C-alpha atoms as a PDB file:
ATOM      1  CA  MET A   1       0.000   0.000   0.000  1.00  0.00           C
ATOM      2  CA  ASN A   2       1.450   3.400  -0.885  1.00  0.00           C
ATOM      3  CA  LYS A   3       1.593   6.407   1.440  1.00  0.00           C
ATOM      4  CA  THR A   4      -1.302   8.210  -0.285  1.00  0.00           C
ATOM      5  CA  LYS A   5      -3.663   5.288   0.275  1.00  0.00           C
ATOM      6  CA  ILE A   6      -2.567   4.968   3.897  1.00  0.00           C
ATOM      7  CA  LEU A   7      -3.076   8.696   4.510  1.00  0.00           C
ATOM      8  CA  LEU A   8      -6.476   8.588   2.807  1.00  0.00           C
ATOM      9  CA  ALA A   9      -7.535   5.588   4.911  1.00  0.00           C
ATOM     10  CA  LEU A  10      -6.403   7.342   8.104  1.00  0.00           C
ATOM     11  CA  LEU A  11      -8.198  10.545   7.101  1.00  0.00           C
ATOM     12  CA  LEU A  12     -11.430   8.679   6.372  1.00  0.00           C
ATOM     13  CA  THR A  13     -11.160   6.768   9.653  1.00  0.00           C
ATOM     14  CA  PHE A  14     -10.534  10.006  11.584  1.00  0.00           C
ATOM     15  CA  THR A  15     -13.440  11.755   9.822  1.00  0.00           C
ATOM     16  CA  PHE A  16     -15.768   8.838  10.629  1.00  0.00           C
ATOM     17  CA  GLN A  17     -14.643   8.879  14.260  1.00  0.00           C
ATOM     18  CA  LEU A  18     -15.290  12.628  14.486  1.00  0.00           C
ATOM     19  CA  ALA A  19     -18.768  12.120  13.066  1.00  0.00           C
ATOM     20  CA  GLN A  20     -19.382   9.435  15.697  1.00  0.00           C
ATOM     21  CA  ALA A  21     -17.713  11.355  18.560  1.00  0.00           C
ATOM     22  CA  GLY A  22     -20.966  12.536  20.115  1.00  0.00           C
ATOM     23  CA  ASN A  23     -22.548  10.751  23.037  1.00  0.00           C
ATOM     24  CA  GLY A  24     -25.721   9.988  21.106  1.00  0.00           C
ATOM     25  CA  MET A  25     -26.952   7.147  18.984  1.00  0.00           C
ATOM     26  CA  PRO A  26     -24.449   6.033  16.327  1.00  0.00           C
ATOM     27  CA  GLY A  27     -25.427   7.130  12.835  1.00  0.00           C
ATOM     28  CA  MET A  28     -28.298   9.409  13.915  1.00  0.00           C
ATOM     29  CA  ARG A  29     -28.815  12.026  11.193  1.00  0.00           C
ATOM     30  CA  GLY A  30     -31.940  13.906  12.218  1.00  0.00           C
ATOM     31  CA  THR A  31     -35.697  13.804  12.665  1.00  0.00           C
ATOM     32  CA  GLN A  32     -37.315  11.707   9.911  1.00  0.00           C
ATOM     33  CA  HIS A  33     -40.959  12.081  10.939  1.00  0.00           C
ATOM     34  CA  LEU A  34     -43.298  13.195  13.714  1.00  0.00           C
ATOM     35  CA  GLY A  35     -46.189  10.882  14.521  1.00  0.00           C
ATOM     36  CA  PHE A  36     -49.406  11.854  16.262  1.00  0.00           C
ATOM     37  CA  THR A  37     -52.974  10.598  16.595  1.00  0.00           C
ATOM     38  CA  VAL A  38     -56.074  12.514  15.510  1.00  0.00           C
ATOM     39  CA  PRO A  39     -59.784  11.719  15.834  1.00  0.00           C
ATOM     40  CA  ASN A  40     -60.379  11.816  12.050  1.00  0.00           C
ATOM     41  CA  VAL A  41     -57.490  11.322   9.639  1.00  0.00           C
ATOM     42  CA  LYS A  42     -59.449  12.634   6.618  1.00  0.00           C
ATOM     43  CA  GLU A  43     -60.193  15.903   8.432  1.00  0.00           C
ATOM     44  CA  ALA A  44     -56.583  16.197   9.577  1.00  0.00           C
ATOM     45  CA  THR A  45     -54.994  15.492   6.202  1.00  0.00           C
ATOM     46  CA  ALA A  46     -57.362  17.958   4.514  1.00  0.00           C
ATOM     47  CA  PHE A  47     -56.408  20.598   7.105  1.00  0.00           C
ATOM     48  CA  PHE A  48     -52.668  20.018   6.730  1.00  0.00           C
ATOM     49  CA  ALA A  49     -52.975  20.107   2.921  1.00  0.00           C
ATOM     50  CA  ASP A  50     -55.454  22.980   2.480  1.00  0.00           C
ATOM     51  CA  VAL A  51     -54.462  25.243   5.379  1.00  0.00           C
ATOM     52  CA  ILE A  52     -50.815  24.477   6.153  1.00  0.00           C
ATOM     53  CA  GLY A  53     -49.796  23.548   2.594  1.00  0.00           C
ATOM     54  CA  CYS A  54     -48.433  20.055   3.233  1.00  0.00           C
ATOM     55  CA  GLU A  55     -48.228  17.446   0.483  1.00  0.00           C
ATOM     56  CA  SER A  56     -49.964  14.073   0.850  1.00  0.00           C
ATOM     57  CA  PHE A  57     -47.935  10.971   0.065  1.00  0.00           C
ATOM     58  CA  TYR A  58     -49.747   7.759   1.048  1.00  0.00           C
ATOM     59  CA  SER A  59     -51.893   5.968   3.597  1.00  0.00           C
ATOM     60  CA  ILE A  60     -51.419   2.550   5.180  1.00  0.00           C
ATOM     61  CA  GLY A  61     -53.688   0.416   7.334  1.00  0.00           C
ATOM     62  CA  PRO A  62     -55.818  -0.891   8.855  1.00  0.00           C
ATOM     63  CA  PHE A  63     -53.709  -2.893  11.321  1.00  0.00           C
ATOM     64  CA  GLY A  64     -55.292  -5.034  14.026  1.00  0.00           C
ATOM     65  CA  PRO A  65     -56.950  -6.124  16.114  1.00  0.00           C
ATOM     66  CA  PHE A  66     -54.672  -9.085  16.678  1.00  0.00           C
ATOM     67  CA  ASP A  67     -55.229 -12.186  18.821  1.00  0.00           C
ATOM     68  CA  ASN A  68     -51.957 -11.663  20.664  1.00  0.00           C
ATOM     69  CA  ASN A  69     -50.019  -8.864  22.374  1.00  0.00           C
ATOM     70  CA  TRP A  70     -48.354  -7.519  19.217  1.00  0.00           C
ATOM     71  CA  MET A  71     -49.873  -4.026  19.571  1.00  0.00           C
ATOM     72  CA  THR A  72     -48.809  -3.777  23.225  1.00  0.00           C
ATOM     73  CA  ASP A  73     -45.367  -5.289  22.727  1.00  0.00           C
ATOM     74  CA  ASN A  74     -44.484  -3.191  19.662  1.00  0.00           C
ATOM     75  CA  LEU A  75     -46.513   0.025  19.963  1.00  0.00           C
ATOM     76  CA  ASN A  76     -47.242   0.294  23.717  1.00  0.00           C
ATOM     77  CA  VAL A  77     -51.016   0.509  23.161  1.00  0.00           C
ATOM     78  CA  ASN A  78     -53.949  -1.668  24.238  1.00  0.00           C
ATOM     79  CA  LYS A  79     -53.659  -5.141  22.681  1.00  0.00           C
ATOM     80  CA  LYS A  80     -57.104  -4.645  21.075  1.00  0.00           C
ATOM     81  CA  ALA A  81     -56.195  -1.266  19.557  1.00  0.00           C
ATOM     82  CA  VAL A  82     -56.613  -0.845  15.809  1.00  0.00           C
ATOM     83  CA  ILE A  83     -54.744   1.569  13.580  1.00  0.00           C
ATOM     84  CA  ASN A  84     -57.540   2.441  11.173  1.00  0.00           C
ATOM     85  CA  THR A  85     -55.122   4.362   8.990  1.00  0.00           C
ATOM     86  CA  ALA A  86     -51.807   6.185   9.081  1.00  0.00           C
ATOM     87  CA  HIS A  87     -51.226   8.905   6.505  1.00  0.00           C
ATOM     88  CA  LEU A  88     -47.834  10.350   5.570  1.00  0.00           C
ATOM     89  CA  MET A  89     -47.392  13.992   4.549  1.00  0.00           C
ATOM     90  CA  ARG A  90     -44.473  16.328   3.893  1.00  0.00           C
ATOM     91  CA  CYS A  91     -44.572  19.974   4.954  1.00  0.00           C
ATOM     92  CA  GLY A  92     -41.948  21.993   3.111  1.00  0.00           C
ATOM     93  CA  ASN A  93     -38.420  20.773   3.776  1.00  0.00           C
ATOM     94  CA  GLY A  94     -38.996  19.577   7.352  1.00  0.00           C
ATOM     95  CA  PRO A  95     -39.664  16.104   8.710  1.00  0.00           C
ATOM     96  CA  ALA A  96     -42.642  14.114   7.466  1.00  0.00           C
ATOM     97  CA  LEU A  97     -45.876  13.914   9.455  1.00  0.00           C
ATOM     98  CA  GLU A  98     -47.276  10.453  10.233  1.00  0.00           C
ATOM     99  CA  ILE A  99     -50.921  11.046  11.124  1.00  0.00           C
ATOM    100  CA  PHE A 100     -52.670   8.146  12.882  1.00  0.00           C
ATOM    101  CA  GLU A 101     -56.324   7.360  13.457  1.00  0.00           C
ATOM    102  CA  TYR A 102     -56.749   4.668  16.123  1.00  0.00           C
ATOM    103  CA  THR A 103     -59.663   2.968  17.821  1.00  0.00           C
ATOM    104  CA  SER A 104     -58.960   1.406  21.196  1.00  0.00           C
ATOM    105  CA  PRO A 105     -61.089   0.224  24.131  1.00  0.00           C
ATOM    106  CA  ASP A 106     -59.202   2.525  26.522  1.00  0.00           C
ATOM    107  CA  GLN A 107     -58.660   5.502  24.220  1.00  0.00           C
ATOM    108  CA  ARG A 108     -58.611   8.958  25.845  1.00  0.00           C
ATOM    109  CA  LYS A 109     -60.544  11.499  23.799  1.00  0.00           C
ATOM    110  CA  THR A 110     -59.038  14.689  25.248  1.00  0.00           C
ATOM    111  CA  LEU A 111     -55.833  16.229  23.931  1.00  0.00           C
ATOM    112  CA  PRO A 112     -53.099  17.169  26.405  1.00  0.00           C
ATOM    113  CA  ARG A 113     -52.397  20.866  26.889  1.00  0.00           C
ATOM    114  CA  ASN A 114     -48.817  22.090  26.565  1.00  0.00           C
ATOM    115  CA  SER A 115     -48.611  22.120  30.374  1.00  0.00           C
ATOM    116  CA  ASP A 116     -49.633  18.435  30.643  1.00  0.00           C
ATOM    117  CA  ILE A 117     -47.157  15.562  30.614  1.00  0.00           C
ATOM    118  CA  GLY A 118     -47.078  14.531  26.966  1.00  0.00           C
ATOM    119  CA  GLY A 119     -48.194  18.006  25.921  1.00  0.00           C
ATOM    120  CA  HIS A 120     -46.812  19.062  22.576  1.00  0.00           C
ATOM    121  CA  HIS A 121     -47.239  21.331  19.591  1.00  0.00           C
ATOM    122  CA  LEU A 122     -45.988  21.457  16.006  1.00  0.00           C
ATOM    123  CA  ALA A 123     -44.339  24.654  14.797  1.00  0.00           C
ATOM    124  CA  PHE A 124     -44.163  25.719  11.156  1.00  0.00           C
ATOM    125  CA  TYR A 125     -41.773  28.361   9.818  1.00  0.00           C
ATOM    126  CA  VAL A 126     -43.305  31.150   7.686  1.00  0.00           C
ATOM    127  CA  ASP A 127     -41.573  33.933   5.783  1.00  0.00           C
ATOM    128  CA  ASP A 128     -44.235  36.577   6.538  1.00  0.00           C
ATOM    129  CA  MET A 129     -45.934  36.345   9.941  1.00  0.00           C
ATOM    130  CA  THR A 130     -48.542  39.023   9.204  1.00  0.00           C
ATOM    131  CA  ALA A 131     -49.626  37.375   5.951  1.00  0.00           C
ATOM    132  CA  ALA A 132     -49.739  33.929   7.595  1.00  0.00           C
ATOM    133  CA  VAL A 133     -51.915  35.131  10.501  1.00  0.00           C
ATOM    134  CA  LYS A 134     -54.314  36.885   8.105  1.00  0.00           C
ATOM    135  CA  PHE A 135     -54.519  33.701   6.025  1.00  0.00           C
ATOM    136  CA  LEU A 136     -55.329  31.554   9.071  1.00  0.00           C
ATOM    137  CA  GLU A 137     -57.970  33.999  10.284  1.00  0.00           C
ATOM    138  CA  ALA A 138     -59.542  34.154   6.805  1.00  0.00           C
ATOM    139  CA  LYS A 139     -59.811  30.338   6.893  1.00  0.00           C
ATOM    140  CA  GLY A 140     -61.662  30.556  10.224  1.00  0.00           C
ATOM    141  CA  ILE A 141     -58.757  29.106  12.216  1.00  0.00           C
ATOM    142  CA  GLU A 142     -58.559  30.098  15.897  1.00  0.00           C
ATOM    143  CA  VAL A 143     -55.359  32.102  16.443  1.00  0.00           C
ATOM    144  CA  LEU A 144     -54.391  32.422  20.120  1.00  0.00           C
ATOM    145  CA  GLY A 145     -53.608  36.074  20.740  1.00  0.00           C
ATOM    146  CA  LYS A 146     -51.285  38.178  18.629  1.00  0.00           C
ATOM    147  CA  PRO A 147     -47.760  37.404  17.420  1.00  0.00           C
ATOM    148  CA  HIS A 148     -44.993  37.995  19.979  1.00  0.00           C
ATOM    149  CA  THR A 149     -41.333  38.737  19.231  1.00  0.00           C
ATOM    150  CA  PHE A 150     -38.442  37.782  21.516  1.00  0.00           C
ATOM    151  CA  THR A 151     -36.050  40.687  22.088  1.00  0.00           C
ATOM    152  CA  ASP A 152     -33.485  38.873  24.226  1.00  0.00           C
ATOM    153  CA  THR A 153     -32.223  35.350  24.981  1.00  0.00           C
ATOM    154  CA  GLY A 154     -31.163  32.868  22.342  1.00  0.00           C
ATOM    155  CA  MET A 155     -34.530  33.364  20.638  1.00  0.00           C
ATOM    156  CA  ALA A 156     -34.094  37.114  20.032  1.00  0.00           C
ATOM    157  CA  GLY A 157     -35.595  37.929  16.645  1.00  0.00           C
ATOM    158  CA  LEU A 158     -38.072  35.025  16.651  1.00  0.00           C
ATOM    159  CA  THR A 159     -41.753  35.949  16.264  1.00  0.00           C
ATOM    160  CA  TRP A 160     -44.364  33.332  17.203  1.00  0.00           C
ATOM    161  CA  VAL A 161     -48.076  32.753  17.666  1.00  0.00           C
ATOM    162  CA  TYR A 162     -50.092  29.622  18.491  1.00  0.00           C
ATOM    163  CA  PHE A 163     -53.222  28.489  16.670  1.00  0.00           C
ATOM    164  CA  MET A 164     -55.594  25.554  16.938  1.00  0.00           C
ATOM    165  CA  ALA A 165     -56.400  22.764  14.497  1.00  0.00           C
ATOM    166  CA  PRO A 166     -60.157  22.103  14.155  1.00  0.00           C
ATOM    167  CA  TRP A 167     -59.881  18.985  16.387  1.00  0.00           C
ATOM    168  CA  GLY A 168     -58.058  20.902  19.155  1.00  0.00           C
ATOM    169  CA  MET A 169     -54.393  20.178  18.445  1.00  0.00           C
ATOM    170  CA  GLN A 170     -52.137  23.102  19.291  1.00  0.00           C
ATOM    171  CA  LEU A 171     -49.931  24.402  16.471  1.00  0.00           C
ATOM    172  CA  GLU A 172     -47.543  27.328  16.106  1.00  0.00           C
ATOM    173  CA  ILE A 173     -46.085  29.501  13.373  1.00  0.00           C
ATOM    174  CA  VAL A 174     -42.679  31.103  13.810  1.00  0.00           C
ATOM    175  CA  SER A 175     -40.610  33.515  11.752  1.00  0.00           C
ATOM    176  CA  TYR A 176     -37.060  34.850  12.147  1.00  0.00           C
ATOM    177  CA  PRO A 177     -36.041  36.304   8.776  1.00  0.00           C
ATOM    178  CA  LEU A 178     -32.907  37.921  10.266  1.00  0.00           C
ATOM    179  CA  GLY A 179     -31.974  34.867  12.324  1.00  0.00           C
ATOM    180  CA  GLN A 180     -32.078  34.242  16.074  1.00  0.00           C
ATOM    181  CA  GLY A 181     -29.969  35.664  18.881  1.00  0.00           C
ATOM    182  CA  TYR A 182     -28.058  32.462  19.624  1.00  0.00           C
ATOM    183  CA  GLU A 183     -26.596  32.452  16.086  1.00  0.00           C
ATOM    184  CA  LYS A 184     -24.315  35.374  16.971  1.00  0.00           C
ATOM    185  CA  GLU A 185     -22.815  33.539  19.948  1.00  0.00           C
ATOM    186  CA  MET A 186     -22.599  29.884  18.928  1.00  0.00           C
ATOM    187  CA  GLY A 187     -20.456  28.106  16.398  1.00  0.00           C
ATOM    188  CA  SER A 188     -23.273  25.801  15.329  1.00  0.00           C
ATOM    189  CA  ARG A 189     -26.855  26.331  14.228  1.00  0.00           C
ATOM    190  CA  MET A 190     -30.062  24.458  14.971  1.00  0.00           C
ATOM    191  CA  TRP A 191     -31.890  23.020  11.975  1.00  0.00           C
ATOM    192  CA  ASP A 192     -33.345  25.940  10.025  1.00  0.00           C
ATOM    193  CA  PRO A 193     -36.050  25.578   7.346  1.00  0.00           C
ATOM    194  CA  ARG A 194     -34.779  28.734   5.631  1.00  0.00           C
ATOM    195  CA  TYR A 195     -31.755  26.808   4.305  1.00  0.00           C
END
């Protein structure tokens, strides 16, 4: 083996080791999808397509009920739960959405609030906050208050407002056309849909 090949092999090995140097899961590259359950998948997919602007890809299901514990062992749900359908959508250049509709004997029908354990929201980046809020309001979507802009902390420059999906899921739009405060102080950047 000549010196060039040896140096190249060492460089590739070192580069791979640097990529794996973090304390996290080996090979993890990012968020591939976000999964959540809705009461009516047709209503939800129509909302995400017509209001948010997401693109539908495909549906799968139904799955179950099974005569064993497969659903509990693999999905941590009641063994008699049924996934009626799961629909995959893409929203811009972010992770996919996997939207589930389940039936289950022990299904809770109330959504958690952000303050509840398991509370959550999805945030979408928009270029023009004012235009986005007007669009949502024109569609009859409940917008919670007015947009707020952070003036300090790592989020300085970020404007946000929450809004509600028709079935009660909490969503958010954010905008930071000039970047966020942390970008001036850190050598790395969080994932940014602007790029």
